[in-house]
Amino acid sequence: MFDPYHNAIRNFDLVRGDLAGSWEDSPRDVVIVNWNGSHRDASLRFFARRGHRQIIAGYFDGAPDDVRDWLRSARGVPGVIGVMVHDLARPLRRPRAFARAVRSEP
């Protein structure tokens, strides 16, 4: 809810009001779990500039190989410390394929 390129905007989803600027009070030691695949380059750079460490969160509905795009975007971005897959509603369908995709990207 701190990403101005994703959900920290006015009238996001079921939020009443405006989340813009919510990142301003976020301490630098808060680790951001970044799952903004639509604007991942801008989002990764935004939080890196703010000094946050980040964990890339692969999207459960995407193909396991989609994490490779994230990893390419994260090259050279300081503070990216890991990658995970998250699931909002159902068990991960292909955990081994996701792990292989992560390992295969240099």
PDB file of N, CA and C in Angstrom:
ATOM      1  N   MET A   1       0.808  -1.199   0.000  1.00  0.00           N
ATOM      2  CA  MET A   1       0.000   0.000   0.000  1.00  0.00           C
ATOM      3  C   MET A   1       0.857   1.270   0.000  1.00  0.00           C
ATOM      4  N   PHE A   2       2.140   1.103  -0.269  1.00  0.00           N
ATOM      5  CA  PHE A   2       3.047   2.251  -0.287  1.00  0.00           C
ATOM      6  C   PHE A   2       3.574   2.559  -1.678  1.00  0.00           C
ATOM      7  N   ASP A   3       3.112   1.872  -2.686  1.00  0.00           N
ATOM      8  CA  ASP A   3       3.675   1.991  -4.033  1.00  0.00           C
ATOM      9  C   ASP A   3       2.881   2.993  -4.875  1.00  0.00           C
ATOM     10  N   PRO A   4       3.484   4.134  -5.208  1.00  0.00           N
ATOM     11  CA  PRO A   4       2.766   5.129  -6.002  1.00  0.00           C
ATOM     12  C   PRO A   4       2.517   4.684  -7.444  1.00  0.00           C
ATOM     13  N   TYR A   5       3.166   3.604  -7.857  1.00  0.00           N
ATOM     14  CA  TYR A   5       2.955   3.072  -9.200  1.00  0.00           C
ATOM     15  C   TYR A   5       1.951   1.930  -9.206  1.00  0.00           C
ATOM     16  N   HIS A   6       1.348   1.675  -8.050  1.00  0.00           N
ATOM     17  CA  HIS A   6       0.423   0.551  -7.963  1.00  0.00           C
ATOM     18  C   HIS A   6      -0.816   0.901  -7.156  1.00  0.00           C
ATOM     19  N   ASN A   7      -0.707   0.867  -5.836  1.00  0.00           N
ATOM     20  CA  ASN A   7      -1.911   1.004  -5.032  1.00  0.00           C
ATOM     21  C   ASN A   7      -1.916   2.192  -4.072  1.00  0.00           C
ATOM     22  N   ALA A   8      -0.855   2.936  -3.960  1.00  0.00           N
ATOM     23  CA  ALA A   8      -0.832   4.120  -3.102  1.00  0.00           C
ATOM     24  C   ALA A   8      -1.326   5.323  -3.892  1.00  0.00           C
ATOM     25  N   ILE A   9      -2.583   5.242  -4.262  1.00  0.00           N
ATOM     26  CA  ILE A   9      -3.211   6.263  -5.103  1.00  0.00           C
ATOM     27  C   ILE A   9      -4.581   6.621  -4.514  1.00  0.00           C
ATOM     28  N   ARG A  10      -5.172   7.598  -5.064  1.00  0.00           N
ATOM     29  CA  ARG A  10      -6.499   8.034  -4.629  1.00  0.00           C
ATOM     30  C   ARG A  10      -7.540   6.973  -5.008  1.00  0.00           C
ATOM     31  N   ASN A  11      -8.405   6.664  -4.061  1.00  0.00           N
ATOM     32  CA  ASN A  11      -9.541   5.750  -4.255  1.00  0.00           C
ATOM     33  C   ASN A  11      -9.136   4.381  -4.794  1.00  0.00           C
ATOM     34  N   PHE A  12      -8.075   3.814  -4.256  1.00  0.00           N
ATOM     35  CA  PHE A  12      -7.666   2.477  -4.659  1.00  0.00           C
ATOM     36  C   PHE A  12      -8.629   1.443  -4.111  1.00  0.00           C
ATOM     37  N   ASP A  13      -9.157   0.614  -4.983  1.00  0.00           N
ATOM     38  CA  ASP A  13      -9.996  -0.529  -4.624  1.00  0.00           C
ATOM     39  C   ASP A  13     -11.043  -0.142  -3.582  1.00  0.00           C
ATOM     40  N   LEU A  14     -11.003  -0.714  -2.401  1.00  0.00           N
ATOM     41  CA  LEU A  14     -12.019  -0.456  -1.382  1.00  0.00           C
ATOM     42  C   LEU A  14     -11.568   0.560  -0.334  1.00  0.00           C
ATOM     43  N   VAL A  15     -10.453   1.226  -0.570  1.00  0.00           N
ATOM     44  CA  VAL A  15      -9.931   2.204   0.373  1.00  0.00           C
ATOM     45  C   VAL A  15     -10.736   3.490   0.264  1.00  0.00           C
ATOM     46  N   ARG A  16     -11.126   3.999   1.394  1.00  0.00           N
ATOM     47  CA  ARG A  16     -11.784   5.313   1.395  1.00  0.00           C
ATOM     48  C   ARG A  16     -10.706   6.377   1.511  1.00  0.00           C
ATOM     49  N   GLY A  17     -10.639   7.224   0.544  1.00  0.00           N
ATOM     50  CA  GLY A  17      -9.672   8.302   0.605  1.00  0.00           C
ATOM     51  C   GLY A  17      -8.482   8.098  -0.296  1.00  0.00           C
ATOM     52  N   ASP A  18      -7.375   8.599   0.174  1.00  0.00           N
ATOM     53  CA  ASP A  18      -6.183   8.722  -0.658  1.00  0.00           C
ATOM     54  C   ASP A  18      -4.984   8.097   0.041  1.00  0.00           C
ATOM     55  N   LEU A  19      -4.294   7.178  -0.629  1.00  0.00           N
ATOM     56  CA  LEU A  19      -3.092   6.566  -0.074  1.00  0.00           C
ATOM     57  C   LEU A  19      -1.824   7.226  -0.600  1.00  0.00           C
ATOM     58  N   ALA A  20      -1.982   8.224  -1.472  1.00  0.00           N
ATOM     59  CA  ALA A  20      -0.810   8.923  -2.010  1.00  0.00           C
ATOM     60  C   ALA A  20      -0.004   9.517  -0.866  1.00  0.00           C
ATOM     61  N   GLY A  21       1.294   9.328  -0.931  1.00  0.00           N
ATOM     62  CA  GLY A  21       2.187   9.835   0.100  1.00  0.00           C
ATOM     63  C   GLY A  21       2.347   8.899   1.287  1.00  0.00           C
ATOM     64  N   SER A  22       1.653   7.779   1.286  1.00  0.00           N
ATOM     65  CA  SER A  22       1.741   6.853   2.425  1.00  0.00           C
ATOM     66  C   SER A  22       3.161   6.356   2.640  1.00  0.00           C
ATOM     67  N   TRP A  23       3.949   6.350   1.606  1.00  0.00           N
ATOM     68  CA  TRP A  23       5.334   5.896   1.697  1.00  0.00           C
ATOM     69  C   TRP A  23       6.207   6.849   2.501  1.00  0.00           C
ATOM     70  N   GLU A  24       5.789   8.090   2.653  1.00  0.00           N
ATOM     71  CA  GLU A  24       6.614   9.094   3.325  1.00  0.00           C
ATOM     72  C   GLU A  24       6.953   8.719   4.761  1.00  0.00           C
ATOM     73  N   ASP A  25       6.059   8.065   5.460  1.00  0.00           N
ATOM     74  CA  ASP A  25       6.298   7.701   6.856  1.00  0.00           C
ATOM     75  C   ASP A  25       6.842   6.294   7.013  1.00  0.00           C
ATOM     76  N   SER A  26       7.173   5.651   5.922  1.00  0.00           N
ATOM     77  CA  SER A  26       7.680   4.280   5.972  1.00  0.00           C
ATOM     78  C   SER A  26       9.171   4.307   6.306  1.00  0.00           C
ATOM     79  N   PRO A  27       9.548   3.767   7.472  1.00  0.00           N
ATOM     80  CA  PRO A  27      10.970   3.761   7.837  1.00  0.00           C
ATOM     81  C   PRO A  27      11.801   2.962   6.831  1.00  0.00           C
ATOM     82  N   ARG A  28      13.039   3.341   6.662  1.00  0.00           N
ATOM     83  CA  ARG A  28      13.912   2.700   5.681  1.00  0.00           C
ATOM     84  C   ARG A  28      14.202   1.234   6.014  1.00  0.00           C
ATOM     85  N   ASP A  29      14.015   0.849   7.287  1.00  0.00           N
ATOM     86  CA  ASP A  29      14.278  -0.546   7.640  1.00  0.00           C
ATOM     87  C   ASP A  29      13.094  -1.467   7.340  1.00  0.00           C
ATOM     88  N   VAL A  30      12.002  -0.917   6.818  1.00  0.00           N
ATOM     89  CA  VAL A  30      10.876  -1.745   6.380  1.00  0.00           C
ATOM     90  C   VAL A  30      11.247  -2.384   5.043  1.00  0.00           C
ATOM     91  N   VAL A  31      11.157  -3.700   4.985  1.00  0.00           N
ATOM     92  CA  VAL A  31      11.437  -4.426   3.751  1.00  0.00           C
ATOM     93  C   VAL A  31      10.166  -4.450   2.915  1.00  0.00           C
ATOM     94  N   ILE A  32      10.272  -4.016   1.677  1.00  0.00           N
ATOM     95  CA  ILE A  32       9.135  -3.966   0.767  1.00  0.00           C
ATOM     96  C   ILE A  32       9.020  -5.288   0.024  1.00  0.00           C
ATOM     97  N   VAL A  33       7.848  -5.900   0.069  1.00  0.00           N
ATOM     98  CA  VAL A  33       7.564  -7.072  -0.755  1.00  0.00           C
ATOM     99  C   VAL A  33       6.871  -6.525  -1.996  1.00  0.00           C
ATOM    100  N   ASN A  34       7.601  -6.499  -3.076  1.00  0.00           N
ATOM    101  CA  ASN A  34       7.173  -5.811  -4.287  1.00  0.00           C
ATOM    102  C   ASN A  34       6.530  -6.795  -5.262  1.00  0.00           C
ATOM    103  N   TRP A  35       5.259  -6.597  -5.557  1.00  0.00           N
ATOM    104  CA  TRP A  35       4.550  -7.476  -6.497  1.00  0.00           C
ATOM    105  C   TRP A  35       3.885  -6.682  -7.611  1.00  0.00           C
ATOM    106  N   ASN A  36       4.405  -5.504  -7.895  1.00  0.00           N
ATOM    107  CA  ASN A  36       3.847  -4.644  -8.930  1.00  0.00           C
ATOM    108  C   ASN A  36       4.428  -5.013 -10.293  1.00  0.00           C
ATOM    109  N   GLY A  37       3.979  -6.109 -10.837  1.00  0.00           N
ATOM    110  CA  GLY A  37       4.495  -6.569 -12.116  1.00  0.00           C
ATOM    111  C   GLY A  37       4.210  -5.637 -13.278  1.00  0.00           C
ATOM    112  N   SER A  38       3.124  -4.884 -13.195  1.00  0.00           N
ATOM    113  CA  SER A  38       2.756  -3.988 -14.298  1.00  0.00           C
ATOM    114  C   SER A  38       3.753  -2.848 -14.482  1.00  0.00           C
ATOM    115  N   HIS A  39       4.321  -2.382 -13.392  1.00  0.00           N
ATOM    116  CA  HIS A  39       5.266  -1.263 -13.432  1.00  0.00           C
ATOM    117  C   HIS A  39       6.512  -1.601 -12.608  1.00  0.00           C
ATOM    118  N   ARG A  40       6.987  -2.818 -12.770  1.00  0.00           N
ATOM    119  CA  ARG A  40       8.058  -3.302 -11.888  1.00  0.00           C
ATOM    120  C   ARG A  40       9.322  -2.460 -11.969  1.00  0.00           C
ATOM    121  N   ASP A  41       9.710  -1.983 -13.137  1.00  0.00           N
ATOM    122  CA  ASP A  41      10.951  -1.197 -13.238  1.00  0.00           C
ATOM    123  C   ASP A  41      10.852   0.080 -12.411  1.00  0.00           C
ATOM    124  N   ALA A  42       9.765   0.816 -12.583  1.00  0.00           N
ATOM    125  CA  ALA A  42       9.582   2.065 -11.839  1.00  0.00           C
ATOM    126  C   ALA A  42       9.456   1.798 -10.344  1.00  0.00           C
ATOM    127  N   SER A  43       8.736   0.765  -9.996  1.00  0.00           N
ATOM    128  CA  SER A  43       8.514   0.428  -8.600  1.00  0.00           C
ATOM    129  C   SER A  43       9.815  -0.001  -7.914  1.00  0.00           C
ATOM    130  N   LEU A  44      10.570  -0.868  -8.556  1.00  0.00           N
ATOM    131  CA  LEU A  44      11.849  -1.300  -7.984  1.00  0.00           C
ATOM    132  C   LEU A  44      12.783  -0.110  -7.767  1.00  0.00           C
ATOM    133  N   ARG A  45      12.879   0.770  -8.755  1.00  0.00           N
ATOM    134  CA  ARG A  45      13.762   1.941  -8.639  1.00  0.00           C
ATOM    135  C   ARG A  45      13.273   2.904  -7.554  1.00  0.00           C
ATOM    136  N   PHE A  46      11.956   3.102  -7.470  1.00  0.00           N
ATOM    137  CA  PHE A  46      11.391   4.009  -6.474  1.00  0.00           C
ATOM    138  C   PHE A  46      11.812   3.604  -5.062  1.00  0.00           C
ATOM    139  N   PHE A  47      11.594   2.336  -4.728  1.00  0.00           N
ATOM    140  CA  PHE A  47      11.919   1.897  -3.370  1.00  0.00           C
ATOM    141  C   PHE A  47      13.432   1.811  -3.144  1.00  0.00           C
ATOM    142  N   ALA A  48      14.185   1.498  -4.165  1.00  0.00           N
ATOM    143  CA  ALA A  48      15.645   1.497  -4.029  1.00  0.00           C
ATOM    144  C   ALA A  48      16.152   2.901  -3.724  1.00  0.00           C
ATOM    145  N   ARG A  49      15.615   3.906  -4.423  1.00  0.00           N
ATOM    146  CA  ARG A  49      16.018   5.298  -4.164  1.00  0.00           C
ATOM    147  C   ARG A  49      15.698   5.713  -2.733  1.00  0.00           C
ATOM    148  N   ARG A  50      14.644   5.162  -2.180  1.00  0.00           N
ATOM    149  CA  ARG A  50      14.254   5.485  -0.804  1.00  0.00           C
ATOM    150  C   ARG A  50      15.076   4.709   0.222  1.00  0.00           C
ATOM    151  N   GLY A  51      15.911   3.777  -0.232  1.00  0.00           N
ATOM    152  CA  GLY A  51      16.769   3.032   0.674  1.00  0.00           C
ATOM    153  C   GLY A  51      16.155   1.777   1.255  1.00  0.00           C
ATOM    154  N   HIS A  52      15.031   1.344   0.716  1.00  0.00           N
ATOM    155  CA  HIS A  52      14.387   0.121   1.219  1.00  0.00           C
ATOM    156  C   HIS A  52      15.011  -1.115   0.581  1.00  0.00           C
ATOM    157  N   ARG A  53      15.132  -2.172   1.365  1.00  0.00           N
ATOM    158  CA  ARG A  53      15.421  -3.476   0.801  1.00  0.00           C
ATOM    159  C   ARG A  53      14.111  -4.018   0.245  1.00  0.00           C
ATOM    160  N   GLN A  54      14.209  -4.901  -0.763  1.00  0.00           N
ATOM    161  CA  GLN A  54      13.001  -5.420  -1.402  1.00  0.00           C
ATOM    162  C   GLN A  54      13.104  -6.920  -1.626  1.00  0.00           C
ATOM    163  N   ILE A  55      11.941  -7.544  -1.552  1.00  0.00           N
ATOM    164  CA  ILE A  55      11.789  -8.933  -1.944  1.00  0.00           C
ATOM    165  C   ILE A  55      10.817  -8.938  -3.112  1.00  0.00           C
ATOM    166  N   ILE A  56      11.199  -9.564  -4.186  1.00  0.00           N
ATOM    167  CA  ILE A  56      10.330  -9.688  -5.360  1.00  0.00           C
ATOM    168  C   ILE A  56       9.318 -10.786  -5.077  1.00  0.00           C
ATOM    169  N   ALA A  57       8.061 -10.489  -5.313  1.00  0.00           N
ATOM    170  CA  ALA A  57       6.996 -11.463  -5.071  1.00  0.00           C
ATOM    171  C   ALA A  57       6.390 -11.890  -6.401  1.00  0.00           C
ATOM    172  N   GLY A  58       6.703 -13.098  -6.822  1.00  0.00           N
ATOM    173  CA  GLY A  58       6.115 -13.630  -8.048  1.00  0.00           C
ATOM    174  C   GLY A  58       4.616 -13.810  -7.890  1.00  0.00           C
ATOM    175  N   TYR A  59       3.890 -13.533  -8.918  1.00  0.00           N
ATOM    176  CA  TYR A  59       2.435 -13.576  -8.868  1.00  0.00           C
ATOM    177  C   TYR A  59       1.929 -14.998  -9.070  1.00  0.00           C
ATOM    178  N   PHE A  60       1.043 -15.434  -8.219  1.00  0.00           N
ATOM    179  CA  PHE A  60       0.591 -16.829  -8.229  1.00  0.00           C
ATOM    180  C   PHE A  60      -0.134 -17.220  -9.502  1.00  0.00           C
ATOM    181  N   ASP A  61      -0.760 -16.287 -10.171  1.00  0.00           N
ATOM    182  CA  ASP A  61      -1.502 -16.603 -11.386  1.00  0.00           C
ATOM    183  C   ASP A  61      -0.630 -16.589 -12.634  1.00  0.00           C
ATOM    184  N   GLY A  62       0.567 -16.041 -12.517  1.00  0.00           N
ATOM    185  CA  GLY A  62       1.438 -15.955 -13.676  1.00  0.00           C
ATOM    186  C   GLY A  62       2.164 -17.257 -13.933  1.00  0.00           C
ATOM    187  N   ALA A  63       2.755 -17.336 -15.088  1.00  0.00           N
ATOM    188  CA  ALA A  63       3.589 -18.493 -15.407  1.00  0.00           C
ATOM    189  C   ALA A  63       4.834 -18.443 -14.530  1.00  0.00           C
ATOM    190  N   PRO A  64       5.308 -19.586 -14.066  1.00  0.00           N
ATOM    191  CA  PRO A  64       6.510 -19.582 -13.225  1.00  0.00           C
ATOM    192  C   PRO A  64       7.691 -18.858 -13.863  1.00  0.00           C
ATOM    193  N   ASP A  65       7.825 -18.960 -15.175  1.00  0.00           N
ATOM    194  CA  ASP A  65       8.941 -18.302 -15.855  1.00  0.00           C
ATOM    195  C   ASP A  65       8.848 -16.781 -15.848  1.00  0.00           C
ATOM    196  N   ASP A  66       7.691 -16.214 -15.505  1.00  0.00           N
ATOM    197  CA  ASP A  66       7.547 -14.754 -15.460  1.00  0.00           C
ATOM    198  C   ASP A  66       8.507 -14.124 -14.459  1.00  0.00           C
ATOM    199  N   VAL A  67       8.939 -14.882 -13.460  1.00  0.00           N
ATOM    200  CA  VAL A  67       9.863 -14.335 -12.470  1.00  0.00           C
ATOM    201  C   VAL A  67      11.181 -13.917 -13.122  1.00  0.00           C
ATOM    202  N   ARG A  68      11.508 -14.502 -14.256  1.00  0.00           N
ATOM    203  CA  ARG A  68      12.747 -14.122 -14.950  1.00  0.00           C
ATOM    204  C   ARG A  68      12.725 -12.651 -15.368  1.00  0.00           C
ATOM    205  N   ASP A  69      11.562 -12.159 -15.797  1.00  0.00           N
ATOM    206  CA  ASP A  69      11.452 -10.736 -16.143  1.00  0.00           C
ATOM    207  C   ASP A  69      11.735  -9.858 -14.926  1.00  0.00           C
ATOM    208  N   TRP A  70      11.215 -10.266 -13.783  1.00  0.00           N
ATOM    209  CA  TRP A  70      11.489  -9.544 -12.544  1.00  0.00           C
ATOM    210  C   TRP A  70      12.986  -9.532 -12.252  1.00  0.00           C
ATOM    211  N   LEU A  71      13.604 -10.683 -12.365  1.00  0.00           N
ATOM    212  CA  LEU A  71      15.026 -10.779 -12.048  1.00  0.00           C
ATOM    213  C   LEU A  71      15.872  -9.943 -12.993  1.00  0.00           C
ATOM    214  N   ARG A  72      15.488  -9.890 -14.256  1.00  0.00           N
ATOM    215  CA  ARG A  72      16.203  -9.021 -15.206  1.00  0.00           C
ATOM    216  C   ARG A  72      16.008  -7.555 -14.821  1.00  0.00           C
ATOM    217  N   SER A  73      14.790  -7.183 -14.452  1.00  0.00           N
ATOM    218  CA  SER A  73      14.534  -5.797 -14.030  1.00  0.00           C
ATOM    219  C   SER A  73      15.317  -5.438 -12.778  1.00  0.00           C
ATOM    220  N   ALA A  74      15.530  -6.416 -11.908  1.00  0.00           N
ATOM    221  CA  ALA A  74      16.195  -6.155 -10.630  1.00  0.00           C
ATOM    222  C   ALA A  74      17.714  -6.064 -10.746  1.00  0.00           C
ATOM    223  N   ARG A  75      18.261  -6.487 -11.872  1.00  0.00           N
ATOM    224  CA  ARG A  75      19.725  -6.398 -12.032  1.00  0.00           C
ATOM    225  C   ARG A  75      20.175  -4.963 -11.847  1.00  0.00           C
ATOM    226  N   GLY A  76      21.134  -4.780 -10.988  1.00  0.00           N
ATOM    227  CA  GLY A  76      21.681  -3.447 -10.755  1.00  0.00           C
ATOM    228  C   GLY A  76      20.864  -2.592  -9.805  1.00  0.00           C
ATOM    229  N   VAL A  77      19.720  -3.074  -9.351  1.00  0.00           N
ATOM    230  CA  VAL A  77      18.910  -2.316  -8.390  1.00  0.00           C
ATOM    231  C   VAL A  77      19.397  -2.680  -6.988  1.00  0.00           C
ATOM    232  N   PRO A  78      19.906  -1.694  -6.258  1.00  0.00           N
ATOM    233  CA  PRO A  78      20.423  -2.012  -4.926  1.00  0.00           C
ATOM    234  C   PRO A  78      19.302  -2.411  -3.964  1.00  0.00           C
ATOM    235  N   GLY A  79      19.629  -3.342  -3.075  1.00  0.00           N
ATOM    236  CA  GLY A  79      18.702  -3.692  -2.002  1.00  0.00           C
ATOM    237  C   GLY A  79      17.700  -4.780  -2.313  1.00  0.00           C
ATOM    238  N   VAL A  80      17.746  -5.382  -3.495  1.00  0.00           N
ATOM    239  CA  VAL A  80      16.854  -6.510  -3.779  1.00  0.00           C
ATOM    240  C   VAL A  80      17.503  -7.725  -3.135  1.00  0.00           C
ATOM    241  N   ILE A  81      16.832  -8.273  -2.112  1.00  0.00           N
ATOM    242  CA  ILE A  81      17.468  -9.302  -1.285  1.00  0.00           C
ATOM    243  C   ILE A  81      16.884 -10.701  -1.471  1.00  0.00           C
ATOM    244  N   GLY A  82      15.825 -10.825  -2.255  1.00  0.00           N
ATOM    245  CA  GLY A  82      15.274 -12.155  -2.426  1.00  0.00           C
ATOM    246  C   GLY A  82      14.083 -12.170  -3.352  1.00  0.00           C
ATOM    247  N   VAL A  83      13.561 -13.367  -3.523  1.00  0.00           N
ATOM    248  CA  VAL A  83      12.394 -13.570  -4.375  1.00  0.00           C
ATOM    249  C   VAL A  83      11.504 -14.607  -3.702  1.00  0.00           C
ATOM    250  N   MET A  84      10.221 -14.432  -3.842  1.00  0.00           N
ATOM    251  CA  MET A  84       9.263 -15.378  -3.278  1.00  0.00           C
ATOM    252  C   MET A  84       8.075 -15.462  -4.215  1.00  0.00           C
ATOM    253  N   VAL A  85       7.253 -16.445  -4.009  1.00  0.00           N
ATOM    254  CA  VAL A  85       5.991 -16.505  -4.714  1.00  0.00           C
ATOM    255  C   VAL A  85       4.909 -16.399  -3.654  1.00  0.00           C
ATOM    256  N   HIS A  86       3.877 -15.639  -3.934  1.00  0.00           N
ATOM    257  CA  HIS A  86       2.793 -15.509  -2.965  1.00  0.00           C
ATOM    258  C   HIS A  86       1.512 -16.040  -3.573  1.00  0.00           C
ATOM    259  N   ASP A  87       0.620 -16.416  -2.716  1.00  0.00           N
ATOM    260  CA  ASP A  87      -0.646 -16.987  -3.139  1.00  0.00           C
ATOM    261  C   ASP A  87      -1.745 -16.381  -2.282  1.00  0.00           C
ATOM    262  N   LEU A  88      -2.661 -15.708  -2.919  1.00  0.00           N
ATOM    263  CA  LEU A  88      -3.733 -15.055  -2.186  1.00  0.00           C
ATOM    264  C   LEU A  88      -4.938 -15.955  -1.950  1.00  0.00           C
ATOM    265  N   ALA A  89      -5.096 -16.983  -2.754  1.00  0.00           N
ATOM    266  CA  ALA A  89      -6.340 -17.723  -2.655  1.00  0.00           C
ATOM    267  C   ALA A  89      -6.214 -19.239  -2.729  1.00  0.00           C
ATOM    268  N   ARG A  90      -5.193 -19.745  -3.356  1.00  0.00           N
ATOM    269  CA  ARG A  90      -5.138 -21.198  -3.557  1.00  0.00           C
ATOM    270  C   ARG A  90      -3.691 -21.680  -3.514  1.00  0.00           C
ATOM    271  N   PRO A  91      -3.506 -22.977  -3.353  1.00  0.00           N
ATOM    272  CA  PRO A  91      -2.133 -23.490  -3.286  1.00  0.00           C
ATOM    273  C   PRO A  91      -1.363 -23.207  -4.580  1.00  0.00           C
ATOM    274  N   LEU A  92      -0.082 -22.974  -4.413  1.00  0.00           N
ATOM    275  CA  LEU A  92       0.788 -22.755  -5.566  1.00  0.00           C
ATOM    276  C   LEU A  92       0.727 -23.982  -6.467  1.00  0.00           C
ATOM    277  N   ARG A  93       0.491 -23.726  -7.721  1.00  0.00           N
ATOM    278  CA  ARG A  93       0.292 -24.840  -8.655  1.00  0.00           C
ATOM    279  C   ARG A  93       1.588 -25.481  -9.120  1.00  0.00           C
ATOM    280  N   ARG A  94       2.628 -24.679  -9.277  1.00  0.00           N
ATOM    281  CA  ARG A  94       3.865 -25.220  -9.853  1.00  0.00           C
ATOM    282  C   ARG A  94       5.090 -24.722  -9.102  1.00  0.00           C
ATOM    283  N   PRO A  95       5.251 -25.125  -7.837  1.00  0.00           N
ATOM    284  CA  PRO A  95       6.384 -24.590  -7.067  1.00  0.00           C
ATOM    285  C   PRO A  95       7.746 -24.982  -7.630  1.00  0.00           C
ATOM    286  N   ARG A  96       7.873 -26.177  -8.156  1.00  0.00           N
ATOM    287  CA  ARG A  96       9.178 -26.590  -8.708  1.00  0.00           C
ATOM    288  C   ARG A  96       9.528 -25.789  -9.952  1.00  0.00           C
ATOM    289  N   ALA A  97       8.552 -25.537 -10.796  1.00  0.00           N
ATOM    290  CA  ALA A  97       8.807 -24.745 -12.006  1.00  0.00           C
ATOM    291  C   ALA A  97       9.233 -23.328 -11.631  1.00  0.00           C
ATOM    292  N   PHE A  98       8.621 -22.759 -10.606  1.00  0.00           N
ATOM    293  CA  PHE A  98       9.002 -21.427 -10.137  1.00  0.00           C
ATOM    294  C   PHE A  98      10.445 -21.449  -9.633  1.00  0.00           C
ATOM    295  N   ALA A  99      10.779 -22.442  -8.823  1.00  0.00           N
ATOM    296  CA  ALA A  99      12.141 -22.543  -8.285  1.00  0.00           C
ATOM    297  C   ALA A  99      13.158 -22.723  -9.416  1.00  0.00           C
ATOM    298  N   ARG A 100      12.842 -23.516 -10.407  1.00  0.00           N
ATOM    299  CA  ARG A 100      13.758 -23.697 -11.554  1.00  0.00           C
ATOM    300  C   ARG A 100      13.957 -22.387 -12.297  1.00  0.00           C
ATOM    301  N   ALA A 101      12.891 -21.616 -12.484  1.00  0.00           N
ATOM    302  CA  ALA A 101      12.997 -20.343 -13.188  1.00  0.00           C
ATOM    303  C   ALA A 101      13.895 -19.366 -12.423  1.00  0.00           C
ATOM    304  N   VAL A 102      13.766 -19.344 -11.110  1.00  0.00           N
ATOM    305  CA  VAL A 102      14.608 -18.467 -10.302  1.00  0.00           C
ATOM    306  C   VAL A 102      16.062 -18.891 -10.392  1.00  0.00           C
ATOM    307  N   ARG A 103      16.320 -20.181 -10.286  1.00  0.00           N
ATOM    308  CA  ARG A 103      17.703 -20.666 -10.329  1.00  0.00           C
ATOM    309  C   ARG A 103      18.350 -20.494 -11.688  1.00  0.00           C
ATOM    310  N   SER A 104      17.556 -20.513 -12.746  1.00  0.00           N
ATOM    311  CA  SER A 104      18.146 -20.467 -14.086  1.00  0.00           C
ATOM    312  C   SER A 104      18.524 -19.066 -14.522  1.00  0.00           C
ATOM    313  N   GLU A 105      18.041 -18.056 -13.841  1.00  0.00           N
ATOM    314  CA  GLU A 105      18.345 -16.669 -14.227  1.00  0.00           C
ATOM    315  C   GLU A 105      19.622 -16.233 -13.512  1.00  0.00           C
ATOM    316  N   PRO A 106      20.653 -15.874 -14.249  1.00  0.00           N
ATOM    317  CA  PRO A 106      21.926 -15.489 -13.607  1.00  0.00           C
ATOM    318  C   PRO A 106      21.819 -14.197 -12.814  1.00  0.00           C
TER     319      PRO A 106
END
